[in-house]
């Protein structure tokens, strides 16, 4: 059984690293939110509200990443205890992808608008 214990230990450590990756992604989104919402309007001039909207969007997705990271950490840990695998939910992945695409399109729109 030492091999099984070692595999479980590695799986738990991988789960912890994944949790920290969710945090890094969330923190990056917060930084982009500040850049888009506060720094970019000062550099571009003109109305600030479109940048603030995009900055808030990036900050919201950052909150989502950090929150989902904790949810996922706990859910995967429970699955490990039961000896199961837990795939991420298709709806959540689709929602995060759609929100990311929307933010990307809004960012492109801002860049084109300011050109």
PDB file of N, CA and C in Angstrom:
ATOM      1  N   UNK A   1       0.787  -1.222   0.000  1.00  0.00           N
ATOM      2  CA  UNK A   1       0.000   0.000   0.000  1.00  0.00           C
ATOM      3  C   UNK A   1       0.831   1.290   0.000  1.00  0.00           C
ATOM      4  N   UNK A   2       2.151   1.246   0.207  1.00  0.00           N
ATOM      5  CA  UNK A   2       2.907   2.501   0.166  1.00  0.00           C
ATOM      6  C   UNK A   2       2.776   3.237  -1.162  1.00  0.00           C
ATOM      7  N   UNK A   3       2.664   2.492  -2.279  1.00  0.00           N
ATOM      8  CA  UNK A   3       2.505   3.147  -3.577  1.00  0.00           C
ATOM      9  C   UNK A   3       1.189   3.900  -3.657  1.00  0.00           C
ATOM     10  N   UNK A   4       0.124   3.317  -3.117  1.00  0.00           N
ATOM     11  CA  UNK A   4      -1.184   3.979  -3.122  1.00  0.00           C
ATOM     12  C   UNK A   4      -1.152   5.233  -2.262  1.00  0.00           C
ATOM     13  N   UNK A   5      -0.510   5.141  -1.103  1.00  0.00           N
ATOM     14  CA  UNK A   5      -0.395   6.326  -0.234  1.00  0.00           C
ATOM     15  C   UNK A   5       0.399   7.418  -0.915  1.00  0.00           C
ATOM     16  N   UNK A   6       1.473   7.035  -1.603  1.00  0.00           N
ATOM     17  CA  UNK A   6       2.296   8.013  -2.291  1.00  0.00           C
ATOM     18  C   UNK A   6       1.518   8.678  -3.427  1.00  0.00           C
ATOM     19  N   UNK A   7       0.733   7.897  -4.158  1.00  0.00           N
ATOM     20  CA  UNK A   7      -0.081   8.457  -5.242  1.00  0.00           C
ATOM     21  C   UNK A   7      -1.118   9.425  -4.689  1.00  0.00           C
ATOM     22  N   UNK A   8      -1.736   9.076  -3.574  1.00  0.00           N
ATOM     23  CA  UNK A   8      -2.724   9.966  -2.943  1.00  0.00           C
ATOM     24  C   UNK A   8      -2.053  11.246  -2.474  1.00  0.00           C
ATOM     25  N   UNK A   9      -0.877  11.127  -1.917  1.00  0.00           N
ATOM     26  CA  UNK A   9      -0.140  12.312  -1.454  1.00  0.00           C
ATOM     27  C   UNK A   9       0.176  13.229  -2.640  1.00  0.00           C
ATOM     28  N   UNK A  10       0.631  12.652  -3.729  1.00  0.00           N
ATOM     29  CA  UNK A  10       0.937  13.456  -4.926  1.00  0.00           C
ATOM     30  C   UNK A  10      -0.323  14.120  -5.475  1.00  0.00           C
ATOM     31  N   UNK A  11      -1.427  13.391  -5.450  1.00  0.00           N
ATOM     32  CA  UNK A  11      -2.689  13.947  -5.939  1.00  0.00           C
ATOM     33  C   UNK A  11      -3.128  15.113  -5.070  1.00  0.00           C
ATOM     34  N   UNK A  12      -2.988  14.973  -3.774  1.00  0.00           N
ATOM     35  CA  UNK A  12      -3.358  16.082  -2.873  1.00  0.00           C
ATOM     36  C   UNK A  12      -2.464  17.295  -3.080  1.00  0.00           C
ATOM     37  N   UNK A  13      -1.182  17.060  -3.274  1.00  0.00           N
ATOM     38  CA  UNK A  13      -0.266  18.175  -3.526  1.00  0.00           C
ATOM     39  C   UNK A  13      -0.584  18.847  -4.862  1.00  0.00           C
ATOM     40  N   UNK A  14      -0.952  18.055  -5.864  1.00  0.00           N
ATOM     41  CA  UNK A  14      -1.354  18.629  -7.149  1.00  0.00           C
ATOM     42  C   UNK A  14      -2.618  19.465  -6.988  1.00  0.00           C
ATOM     43  N   UNK A  15      -3.536  18.992  -6.163  1.00  0.00           N
ATOM     44  CA  UNK A  15      -4.766  19.741  -5.899  1.00  0.00           C
ATOM     45  C   UNK A  15      -4.428  21.075  -5.235  1.00  0.00           C
ATOM     46  N   UNK A  16      -3.480  21.055  -4.315  1.00  0.00           N
ATOM     47  CA  UNK A  16      -3.066  22.290  -3.651  1.00  0.00           C
ATOM     48  C   UNK A  16      -2.408  23.252  -4.639  1.00  0.00           C
ATOM     49  N   UNK A  17      -1.565  22.735  -5.519  1.00  0.00           N
ATOM     50  CA  UNK A  17      -0.936  23.595  -6.534  1.00  0.00           C
ATOM     51  C   UNK A  17      -1.981  24.191  -7.471  1.00  0.00           C
ATOM     52  N   UNK A  18      -2.991  23.407  -7.798  1.00  0.00           N
ATOM     53  CA  UNK A  18      -4.066  23.908  -8.655  1.00  0.00           C
ATOM     54  C   UNK A  18      -4.830  25.024  -7.960  1.00  0.00           C
ATOM     55  N   UNK A  19      -5.074  24.858  -6.658  1.00  0.00           N
ATOM     56  CA  UNK A  19      -5.740  25.911  -5.889  1.00  0.00           C
ATOM     57  C   UNK A  19      -4.928  27.208  -5.943  1.00  0.00           C
ATOM     58  N   UNK A  20      -3.626  27.078  -5.763  1.00  0.00           N
ATOM     59  CA  UNK A  20      -2.774  28.262  -5.824  1.00  0.00           C
ATOM     60  C   UNK A  20      -2.766  28.871  -7.234  1.00  0.00           C
ATOM     61  N   UNK A  21      -2.904  28.048  -8.250  1.00  0.00           N
ATOM     62  CA  UNK A  21      -2.988  28.568  -9.621  1.00  0.00           C
ATOM     63  C   UNK A  21      -4.266  29.377  -9.821  1.00  0.00           C
ATOM     64  N   UNK A  22      -5.382  28.918  -9.230  1.00  0.00           N
ATOM     65  CA  UNK A  22      -6.616  29.705  -9.284  1.00  0.00           C
ATOM     66  C   UNK A  22      -6.389  31.064  -8.629  1.00  0.00           C
ATOM     67  N   UNK A  23      -5.677  31.080  -7.493  1.00  0.00           N
ATOM     68  CA  UNK A  23      -5.359  32.341  -6.826  1.00  0.00           C
ATOM     69  C   UNK A  23      -4.502  33.239  -7.717  1.00  0.00           C
ATOM     70  N   UNK A  24      -3.461  32.678  -8.330  1.00  0.00           N
ATOM     71  CA  UNK A  24      -2.608  33.489  -9.208  1.00  0.00           C
ATOM     72  C   UNK A  24      -3.412  34.075 -10.359  1.00  0.00           C
ATOM     73  N   UNK A  25      -4.283  33.292 -10.920  1.00  0.00           N
ATOM     74  CA  UNK A  25      -5.113  33.771 -12.016  1.00  0.00           C
ATOM     75  C   UNK A  25      -6.041  34.885 -11.544  1.00  0.00           C
ATOM     76  N   UNK A  26      -6.629  34.694 -10.361  1.00  0.00           N
ATOM     77  CA  UNK A  26      -7.497  35.729  -9.798  1.00  0.00           C
ATOM     78  C   UNK A  26      -6.745  37.020  -9.533  1.00  0.00           C
ATOM     79  N   UNK A  27      -5.552  36.916  -8.948  1.00  0.00           N
ATOM     80  CA  UNK A  27      -4.751  38.108  -8.675  1.00  0.00           C
ATOM     81  C   UNK A  27      -4.352  38.812  -9.963  1.00  0.00           C
ATOM     82  N   UNK A  28      -4.046  38.045 -10.994  1.00  0.00           N
ATOM     83  CA  UNK A  28      -3.725  38.638 -12.293  1.00  0.00           C
ATOM     84  C   UNK A  28      -4.930  39.390 -12.853  1.00  0.00           C
ATOM     85  N   UNK A  29      -6.102  38.791 -12.726  1.00  0.00           N
ATOM     86  CA  UNK A  29      -7.313  39.465 -13.202  1.00  0.00           C
ATOM     87  C   UNK A  29      -7.565  40.754 -12.424  1.00  0.00           C
ATOM     88  N   UNK A  30      -7.282  40.753 -11.116  1.00  0.00           N
ATOM     89  CA  UNK A  30      -7.424  41.988 -10.327  1.00  0.00           C
ATOM     90  C   UNK A  30      -6.470  43.064 -10.848  1.00  0.00           C
ATOM     91  N   UNK A  31      -5.230  42.671 -11.137  1.00  0.00           N
ATOM     92  CA  UNK A  31      -4.246  43.633 -11.650  1.00  0.00           C
ATOM     93  C   UNK A  31      -4.687  44.193 -13.003  1.00  0.00           C
ATOM     94  N   UNK A  32      -5.208  43.340 -13.866  1.00  0.00           N
ATOM     95  CA  UNK A  32      -5.705  43.805 -15.161  1.00  0.00           C
ATOM     96  C   UNK A  32      -6.902  44.730 -14.954  1.00  0.00           C
ATOM     97  N   UNK A  33      -7.754  44.407 -13.978  1.00  0.00           N
ATOM     98  CA  UNK A  33      -8.894  45.272 -13.673  1.00  0.00           C
ATOM     99  C   UNK A  33      -8.456  46.666 -13.261  1.00  0.00           C
ATOM    100  N   UNK A  34      -7.438  46.739 -12.423  1.00  0.00           N
ATOM    101  CA  UNK A  34      -6.915  48.048 -12.008  1.00  0.00           C
ATOM    102  C   UNK A  34      -6.314  48.773 -13.206  1.00  0.00           C
ATOM    103  N   UNK A  35      -5.548  48.040 -14.009  1.00  0.00           N
ATOM    104  CA  UNK A  35      -4.944  48.661 -15.189  1.00  0.00           C
ATOM    105  C   UNK A  35      -5.982  49.181 -16.167  1.00  0.00           C
ATOM    106  N   UNK A  36      -6.985  48.361 -16.422  1.00  0.00           N
ATOM    107  CA  UNK A  36      -8.024  48.764 -17.378  1.00  0.00           C
ATOM    108  C   UNK A  36      -8.915  49.863 -16.818  1.00  0.00           C
ATOM    109  N   UNK A  37      -9.247  49.772 -15.535  1.00  0.00           N
ATOM    110  CA  UNK A  37     -10.210  50.700 -14.960  1.00  0.00           C
ATOM    111  C   UNK A  37      -9.633  52.011 -14.461  1.00  0.00           C
ATOM    112  N   UNK A  38      -8.344  52.019 -14.092  1.00  0.00           N
ATOM    113  CA  UNK A  38      -7.756  53.232 -13.521  1.00  0.00           C
ATOM    114  C   UNK A  38      -6.597  53.791 -14.335  1.00  0.00           C
ATOM    115  N   UNK A  39      -5.699  52.944 -14.781  1.00  0.00           N
ATOM    116  CA  UNK A  39      -4.508  53.426 -15.472  1.00  0.00           C
ATOM    117  C   UNK A  39      -4.809  53.783 -16.927  1.00  0.00           C
ATOM    118  N   UNK A  40      -5.472  52.902 -17.642  1.00  0.00           N
ATOM    119  CA  UNK A  40      -5.746  53.121 -19.065  1.00  0.00           C
ATOM    120  C   UNK A  40      -6.533  54.403 -19.341  1.00  0.00           C
ATOM    121  N   UNK A  41      -7.568  54.730 -18.564  1.00  0.00           N
ATOM    122  CA  UNK A  41      -8.300  55.974 -18.871  1.00  0.00           C
ATOM    123  C   UNK A  41      -7.429  57.219 -18.737  1.00  0.00           C
ATOM    124  N   UNK A  42      -6.514  57.198 -17.793  1.00  0.00           N
ATOM    125  CA  UNK A  42      -5.632  58.355 -17.631  1.00  0.00           C
ATOM    126  C   UNK A  42      -4.685  58.503 -18.805  1.00  0.00           C
ATOM    127  N   UNK A  43      -4.251  57.379 -19.353  1.00  0.00           N
ATOM    128  CA  UNK A  43      -3.345  57.426 -20.500  1.00  0.00           C
ATOM    129  C   UNK A  43      -4.078  57.766 -21.793  1.00  0.00           C
ATOM    130  N   UNK A  44      -5.304  57.283 -21.930  1.00  0.00           N
ATOM    131  CA  UNK A  44      -6.049  57.441 -23.183  1.00  0.00           C
ATOM    132  C   UNK A  44      -6.767  58.777 -23.280  1.00  0.00           C
ATOM    133  N   UNK A  45      -7.166  59.339 -22.147  1.00  0.00           N
ATOM    134  CA  UNK A  45      -7.983  60.538 -22.187  1.00  0.00           C
ATOM    135  C   UNK A  45      -9.407  60.189 -22.601  1.00  0.00           C
ATOM    136  N   UNK A  46     -10.265  61.139 -22.573  1.00  0.00           N
ATOM    137  CA  UNK A  46     -11.656  60.876 -22.931  1.00  0.00           C
ATOM    138  C   UNK A  46     -12.431  60.295 -21.758  1.00  0.00           C
ATOM    139  N   UNK A  47     -13.625  59.780 -22.059  1.00  0.00           N
ATOM    140  CA  UNK A  47     -14.467  59.270 -20.974  1.00  0.00           C
ATOM    141  C   UNK A  47     -13.851  58.030 -20.316  1.00  0.00           C
ATOM    142  N   UNK A  48     -13.955  57.985 -19.005  1.00  0.00           N
ATOM    143  CA  UNK A  48     -13.356  56.879 -18.253  1.00  0.00           C
ATOM    144  C   UNK A  48     -14.313  55.709 -18.068  1.00  0.00           C
ATOM    145  N   UNK A  49     -15.625  55.951 -18.158  1.00  0.00           N
ATOM    146  CA  UNK A  49     -16.582  54.904 -17.777  1.00  0.00           C
ATOM    147  C   UNK A  49     -16.444  53.605 -18.570  1.00  0.00           C
ATOM    148  N   UNK A  50     -16.117  53.629 -19.881  1.00  0.00           N
ATOM    149  CA  UNK A  50     -15.989  52.332 -20.559  1.00  0.00           C
ATOM    150  C   UNK A  50     -14.835  51.501 -19.984  1.00  0.00           C
ATOM    151  N   UNK A  51     -13.764  52.165 -19.613  1.00  0.00           N
ATOM    152  CA  UNK A  51     -12.622  51.475 -19.015  1.00  0.00           C
ATOM    153  C   UNK A  51     -12.975  50.927 -17.640  1.00  0.00           C
ATOM    154  N   UNK A  52     -13.735  51.707 -16.901  1.00  0.00           N
ATOM    155  CA  UNK A  52     -14.160  51.252 -15.575  1.00  0.00           C
ATOM    156  C   UNK A  52     -15.031  50.008 -15.698  1.00  0.00           C
ATOM    157  N   UNK A  53     -15.922  49.994 -16.674  1.00  0.00           N
ATOM    158  CA  UNK A  53     -16.786  48.828 -16.889  1.00  0.00           C
ATOM    159  C   UNK A  53     -15.940  47.584 -17.190  1.00  0.00           C
ATOM    160  N   UNK A  54     -14.978  47.738 -18.088  1.00  0.00           N
ATOM    161  CA  UNK A  54     -14.108  46.609 -18.429  1.00  0.00           C
ATOM    162  C   UNK A  54     -13.258  46.210 -17.218  1.00  0.00           C
ATOM    163  N   UNK A  55     -12.747  47.196 -16.468  1.00  0.00           N
ATOM    164  CA  UNK A  55     -11.960  46.906 -15.277  1.00  0.00           C
ATOM    165  C   UNK A  55     -12.761  46.156 -14.226  1.00  0.00           C
ATOM    166  N   UNK A  56     -14.001  46.551 -14.040  1.00  0.00           N
ATOM    167  CA  UNK A  56     -14.883  45.839 -13.103  1.00  0.00           C
ATOM    168  C   UNK A  56     -15.118  44.418 -13.593  1.00  0.00           C
ATOM    169  N   UNK A  57     -15.280  44.240 -14.894  1.00  0.00           N
ATOM    170  CA  UNK A  57     -15.462  42.901 -15.455  1.00  0.00           C
ATOM    171  C   UNK A  57     -14.280  41.996 -15.149  1.00  0.00           C
ATOM    172  N   UNK A  58     -13.065  42.504 -15.350  1.00  0.00           N
ATOM    173  CA  UNK A  58     -11.876  41.710 -15.031  1.00  0.00           C
ATOM    174  C   UNK A  58     -11.800  41.417 -13.533  1.00  0.00           C
ATOM    175  N   UNK A  59     -12.167  42.385 -12.724  1.00  0.00           N
ATOM    176  CA  UNK A  59     -12.157  42.156 -11.275  1.00  0.00           C
ATOM    177  C   UNK A  59     -13.194  41.110 -10.875  1.00  0.00           C
ATOM    178  N   UNK A  60     -14.358  41.135 -11.510  1.00  0.00           N
ATOM    179  CA  UNK A  60     -15.382  40.128 -11.213  1.00  0.00           C
ATOM    180  C   UNK A  60     -14.921  38.728 -11.595  1.00  0.00           C
ATOM    181  N   UNK A  61     -14.264  38.615 -12.740  1.00  0.00           N
ATOM    182  CA  UNK A  61     -13.783  37.293 -13.123  1.00  0.00           C
ATOM    183  C   UNK A  61     -12.673  36.845 -12.171  1.00  0.00           C
ATOM    184  N   UNK A  62     -11.894  37.792 -11.645  1.00  0.00           N
ATOM    185  CA  UNK A  62     -10.887  37.461 -10.637  1.00  0.00           C
ATOM    186  C   UNK A  62     -11.518  36.921  -9.368  1.00  0.00           C
ATOM    187  N   UNK A  63     -12.599  37.552  -8.936  1.00  0.00           N
ATOM    188  CA  UNK A  63     -13.335  37.065  -7.764  1.00  0.00           C
ATOM    189  C   UNK A  63     -13.859  35.661  -8.035  1.00  0.00           C
ATOM    190  N   UNK A  64     -14.378  35.458  -9.241  1.00  0.00           N
ATOM    191  CA  UNK A  64     -14.874  34.141  -9.612  1.00  0.00           C
ATOM    192  C   UNK A  64     -13.784  33.082  -9.575  1.00  0.00           C
ATOM    193  N   UNK A  65     -12.593  33.411 -10.071  1.00  0.00           N
ATOM    194  CA  UNK A  65     -11.487  32.453 -10.059  1.00  0.00           C
ATOM    195  C   UNK A  65     -11.068  32.088  -8.640  1.00  0.00           C
ATOM    196  N   UNK A  66     -10.937  33.081  -7.776  1.00  0.00           N
ATOM    197  CA  UNK A  66     -10.528  32.804  -6.391  1.00  0.00           C
ATOM    198  C   UNK A  66     -11.594  31.977  -5.677  1.00  0.00           C
ATOM    199  N   UNK A  67     -12.848  32.362  -5.842  1.00  0.00           N
ATOM    200  CA  UNK A  67     -13.934  31.619  -5.200  1.00  0.00           C
ATOM    201  C   UNK A  67     -14.059  30.205  -5.734  1.00  0.00           C
ATOM    202  N   UNK A  68     -13.969  30.043  -7.050  1.00  0.00           N
ATOM    203  CA  UNK A  68     -14.053  28.709  -7.630  1.00  0.00           C
ATOM    204  C   UNK A  68     -12.866  27.857  -7.207  1.00  0.00           C
ATOM    205  N   UNK A  69     -11.709  28.489  -7.031  1.00  0.00           N
ATOM    206  CA  UNK A  69     -10.530  27.747  -6.576  1.00  0.00           C
ATOM    207  C   UNK A  69     -10.772  27.074  -5.239  1.00  0.00           C
ATOM    208  N   UNK A  70     -11.385  27.794  -4.311  1.00  0.00           N
ATOM    209  CA  UNK A  70     -11.689  27.196  -3.002  1.00  0.00           C
ATOM    210  C   UNK A  70     -12.735  26.099  -3.134  1.00  0.00           C
ATOM    211  N   UNK A  71     -13.770  26.362  -3.915  1.00  0.00           N
ATOM    212  CA  UNK A  71     -14.801  25.342  -4.128  1.00  0.00           C
ATOM    213  C   UNK A  71     -14.179  24.081  -4.725  1.00  0.00           C
ATOM    214  N   UNK A  72     -13.357  24.276  -5.739  1.00  0.00           N
ATOM    215  CA  UNK A  72     -12.745  23.142  -6.432  1.00  0.00           C
ATOM    216  C   UNK A  72     -11.790  22.383  -5.516  1.00  0.00           C
ATOM    217  N   UNK A  73     -10.995  23.105  -4.708  1.00  0.00           N
ATOM    218  CA  UNK A  73     -10.091  22.461  -3.753  1.00  0.00           C
ATOM    219  C   UNK A  73     -10.860  21.511  -2.847  1.00  0.00           C
ATOM    220  N   UNK A  74     -11.941  22.005  -2.286  1.00  0.00           N
ATOM    221  CA  UNK A  74     -12.741  21.190  -1.360  1.00  0.00           C
ATOM    222  C   UNK A  74     -13.434  20.030  -2.068  1.00  0.00           C
ATOM    223  N   UNK A  75     -13.978  20.291  -3.250  1.00  0.00           N
ATOM    224  CA  UNK A  75     -14.691  19.237  -3.980  1.00  0.00           C
ATOM    225  C   UNK A  75     -13.740  18.125  -4.420  1.00  0.00           C
ATOM    226  N   UNK A  76     -12.560  18.500  -4.896  1.00  0.00           N
ATOM    227  CA  UNK A  76     -11.588  17.487  -5.325  1.00  0.00           C
ATOM    228  C   UNK A  76     -11.069  16.715  -4.121  1.00  0.00           C
ATOM    229  N   UNK A  77     -10.858  17.397  -3.010  1.00  0.00           N
ATOM    230  CA  UNK A  77     -10.401  16.711  -1.792  1.00  0.00           C
ATOM    231  C   UNK A  77     -11.429  15.669  -1.355  1.00  0.00           C
ATOM    232  N   UNK A  78     -12.687  16.010  -1.417  1.00  0.00           N
ATOM    233  CA  UNK A  78     -13.743  15.043  -1.081  1.00  0.00           C
ATOM    234  C   UNK A  78     -13.741  13.864  -2.047  1.00  0.00           C
ATOM    235  N   UNK A  79     -13.541  14.155  -3.319  1.00  0.00           N
ATOM    236  CA  UNK A  79     -13.487  13.080  -4.313  1.00  0.00           C
ATOM    237  C   UNK A  79     -12.288  12.168  -4.068  1.00  0.00           C
ATOM    238  N   UNK A  80     -11.165  12.740  -3.695  1.00  0.00           N
ATOM    239  CA  UNK A  80      -9.979  11.941  -3.386  1.00  0.00           C
ATOM    240  C   UNK A  80     -10.274  11.019  -2.211  1.00  0.00           C
ATOM    241  N   UNK A  81     -10.943  11.536  -1.203  1.00  0.00           N
ATOM    242  CA  UNK A  81     -11.308  10.716  -0.043  1.00  0.00           C
ATOM    243  C   UNK A  81     -12.165   9.524  -0.443  1.00  0.00           C
ATOM    244  N   UNK A  82     -13.029   9.720  -1.429  1.00  0.00           N
ATOM    245  CA  UNK A  82     -13.905   8.645  -1.890  1.00  0.00           C
ATOM    246  C   UNK A  82     -13.249   7.770  -2.947  1.00  0.00           C
ATOM    247  N   UNK A  83     -12.034   8.160  -3.376  1.00  0.00           N
ATOM    248  CA  UNK A  83     -11.345   7.405  -4.411  1.00  0.00           C
ATOM    249  C   UNK A  83     -11.899   7.658  -5.791  1.00  0.00           C
ATOM    250  N   UNK A  84     -12.460   8.837  -6.001  1.00  0.00           N
ATOM    251  CA  UNK A  84     -13.087   9.173  -7.273  1.00  0.00           C
ATOM    252  C   UNK A  84     -12.344  10.308  -7.965  1.00  0.00           C
ATOM    253  N   UNK A  85     -12.694  10.522  -9.218  1.00  0.00           N
ATOM    254  CA  UNK A  85     -12.208  11.656  -9.999  1.00  0.00           C
ATOM    255  C   UNK A  85     -13.358  12.637 -10.156  1.00  0.00           C
ATOM    256  N   UNK A  86     -13.069  13.912 -10.093  1.00  0.00           N
ATOM    257  CA  UNK A  86     -14.113  14.925 -10.235  1.00  0.00           C
ATOM    258  C   UNK A  86     -13.740  15.880 -11.358  1.00  0.00           C
ATOM    259  N   UNK A  87     -14.432  15.770 -12.468  1.00  0.00           N
ATOM    260  CA  UNK A  87     -14.206  16.667 -13.599  1.00  0.00           C
ATOM    261  C   UNK A  87     -14.855  18.013 -13.312  1.00  0.00           C
ATOM    262  N   UNK A  88     -14.299  19.089 -13.868  1.00  0.00           N
ATOM    263  CA  UNK A  88     -14.957  20.389 -13.704  1.00  0.00           C
ATOM    264  C   UNK A  88     -16.302  20.382 -14.415  1.00  0.00           C
ATOM    265  N   UNK A  89     -17.224  21.178 -13.918  1.00  0.00           N
ATOM    266  CA  UNK A  89     -18.558  21.250 -14.514  1.00  0.00           C
ATOM    267  C   UNK A  89     -18.537  21.920 -15.879  1.00  0.00           C
ATOM    268  N   UNK A  90     -19.211  21.323 -16.835  1.00  0.00           N
ATOM    269  CA  UNK A  90     -19.247  21.864 -18.195  1.00  0.00           C
ATOM    270  C   UNK A  90     -19.874  23.253 -18.245  1.00  0.00           C
ATOM    271  N   UNK A  91     -20.939  23.463 -17.480  1.00  0.00           N
ATOM    272  CA  UNK A  91     -21.616  24.772 -17.492  1.00  0.00           C
ATOM    273  C   UNK A  91     -20.701  25.874 -16.979  1.00  0.00           C
ATOM    274  N   UNK A  92     -19.991  25.583 -15.902  1.00  0.00           N
ATOM    275  CA  UNK A  92     -19.109  26.595 -15.327  1.00  0.00           C
ATOM    276  C   UNK A  92     -17.965  26.921 -16.280  1.00  0.00           C
ATOM    277  N   UNK A  93     -17.399  25.913 -16.903  1.00  0.00           N
ATOM    278  CA  UNK A  93     -16.328  26.132 -17.871  1.00  0.00           C
ATOM    279  C   UNK A  93     -16.850  26.960 -19.044  1.00  0.00           C
ATOM    280  N   UNK A  94     -18.041  26.647 -19.526  1.00  0.00           N
ATOM    281  CA  UNK A  94     -18.634  27.404 -20.631  1.00  0.00           C
ATOM    282  C   UNK A  94     -18.919  28.847 -20.220  1.00  0.00           C
ATOM    283  N   UNK A  95     -19.422  29.050 -19.006  1.00  0.00           N
ATOM    284  CA  UNK A  95     -19.712  30.396 -18.514  1.00  0.00           C
ATOM    285  C   UNK A  95     -18.437  31.224 -18.382  1.00  0.00           C
ATOM    286  N   UNK A  96     -17.400  30.642 -17.801  1.00  0.00           N
ATOM    287  CA  UNK A  96     -16.129  31.353 -17.651  1.00  0.00           C
ATOM    288  C   UNK A  96     -15.541  31.692 -19.016  1.00  0.00           C
ATOM    289  N   UNK A  97     -15.642  30.764 -19.955  1.00  0.00           N
ATOM    290  CA  UNK A  97     -15.140  31.010 -21.308  1.00  0.00           C
ATOM    291  C   UNK A  97     -15.920  32.138 -21.976  1.00  0.00           C
ATOM    292  N   UNK A  98     -17.236  32.103 -21.863  1.00  0.00           N
ATOM    293  CA  UNK A  98     -18.062  33.148 -22.470  1.00  0.00           C
ATOM    294  C   UNK A  98     -17.759  34.514 -21.862  1.00  0.00           C
ATOM    295  N   UNK A  99     -17.589  34.558 -20.547  1.00  0.00           N
ATOM    296  CA  UNK A  99     -17.292  35.833 -19.884  1.00  0.00           C
ATOM    297  C   UNK A  99     -15.915  36.338 -20.307  1.00  0.00           C
ATOM    298  N   UNK A 100     -14.951  35.427 -20.424  1.00  0.00           N
ATOM    299  CA  UNK A 100     -13.611  35.812 -20.882  1.00  0.00           C
ATOM    300  C   UNK A 100     -13.622  36.327 -22.307  1.00  0.00           C
ATOM    301  N   UNK A 101     -14.376  35.668 -23.176  1.00  0.00           N
ATOM    302  CA  UNK A 101     -14.489  36.121 -24.564  1.00  0.00           C
ATOM    303  C   UNK A 101     -15.144  37.504 -24.605  1.00  0.00           C
ATOM    304  N   UNK A 102     -16.189  37.698 -23.810  1.00  0.00           N
ATOM    305  CA  UNK A 102     -16.857  39.001 -23.755  1.00  0.00           C
ATOM    306  C   UNK A 102     -15.887  40.091 -23.297  1.00  0.00           C
ATOM    307  N   UNK A 103     -15.108  39.809 -22.261  1.00  0.00           N
ATOM    308  CA  UNK A 103     -14.134  40.803 -21.794  1.00  0.00           C
ATOM    309  C   UNK A 103     -13.085  41.092 -22.866  1.00  0.00           C
ATOM    310  N   UNK A 104     -12.659  40.053 -23.562  1.00  0.00           N
ATOM    311  CA  UNK A 104     -11.702  40.259 -24.650  1.00  0.00           C
ATOM    312  C   UNK A 104     -12.276  41.132 -25.750  1.00  0.00           C
ATOM    313  N   UNK A 105     -13.525  40.881 -26.125  1.00  0.00           N
ATOM    314  CA  UNK A 105     -14.172  41.694 -27.156  1.00  0.00           C
ATOM    315  C   UNK A 105     -14.355  43.137 -26.700  1.00  0.00           C
ATOM    316  N   UNK A 106     -14.725  43.325 -25.436  1.00  0.00           N
ATOM    317  CA  UNK A 106     -14.853  44.692 -24.906  1.00  0.00           C
ATOM    318  C   UNK A 106     -13.506  45.407 -24.901  1.00  0.00           C
ATOM    319  N   UNK A 107     -12.454  44.679 -24.571  1.00  0.00           N
ATOM    320  CA  UNK A 107     -11.119  45.271 -24.580  1.00  0.00           C
ATOM    321  C   UNK A 107     -10.725  45.674 -26.000  1.00  0.00           C
ATOM    322  N   UNK A 108     -11.001  44.805 -26.960  1.00  0.00           N
ATOM    323  CA  UNK A 108     -10.719  45.137 -28.362  1.00  0.00           C
ATOM    324  C   UNK A 108     -11.524  46.360 -28.793  1.00  0.00           C
ATOM    325  N   UNK A 109     -12.788  46.423 -28.402  1.00  0.00           N
ATOM    326  CA  UNK A 109     -13.643  47.564 -28.739  1.00  0.00           C
ATOM    327  C   UNK A 109     -13.068  48.859 -28.174  1.00  0.00           C
ATOM    328  N   UNK A 110     -12.573  48.806 -26.939  1.00  0.00           N
ATOM    329  CA  UNK A 110     -11.957  49.996 -26.355  1.00  0.00           C
ATOM    330  C   UNK A 110     -10.712  50.420 -27.126  1.00  0.00           C
ATOM    331  N   UNK A 111      -9.909  49.453 -27.505  1.00  0.00           N
ATOM    332  CA  UNK A 111      -8.685  49.763 -28.251  1.00  0.00           C
ATOM    333  C   UNK A 111      -9.022  50.391 -29.604  1.00  0.00           C
ATOM    334  N   UNK A 112      -9.995  49.830 -30.284  1.00  0.00           N
ATOM    335  CA  UNK A 112     -10.405  50.373 -31.593  1.00  0.00           C
ATOM    336  C   UNK A 112     -11.024  51.755 -31.416  1.00  0.00           C
ATOM    337  N   UNK A 113     -11.851  51.914 -30.398  1.00  0.00           N
ATOM    338  CA  UNK A 113     -12.524  53.189 -30.134  1.00  0.00           C
ATOM    339  C   UNK A 113     -11.514  54.292 -29.860  1.00  0.00           C
ATOM    340  N   UNK A 114     -10.435  53.979 -29.180  1.00  0.00           N
ATOM    341  CA  UNK A 114      -9.445  54.984 -28.819  1.00  0.00           C
ATOM    342  C   UNK A 114      -8.413  55.244 -29.913  1.00  0.00           C
ATOM    343  N   UNK A 115      -8.450  54.450 -30.982  1.00  0.00           N
ATOM    344  CA  UNK A 115      -7.455  54.639 -32.059  1.00  0.00           C
ATOM    345  C   UNK A 115      -7.803  55.794 -32.960  1.00  0.00           C
TER     346      UNK A 115
END
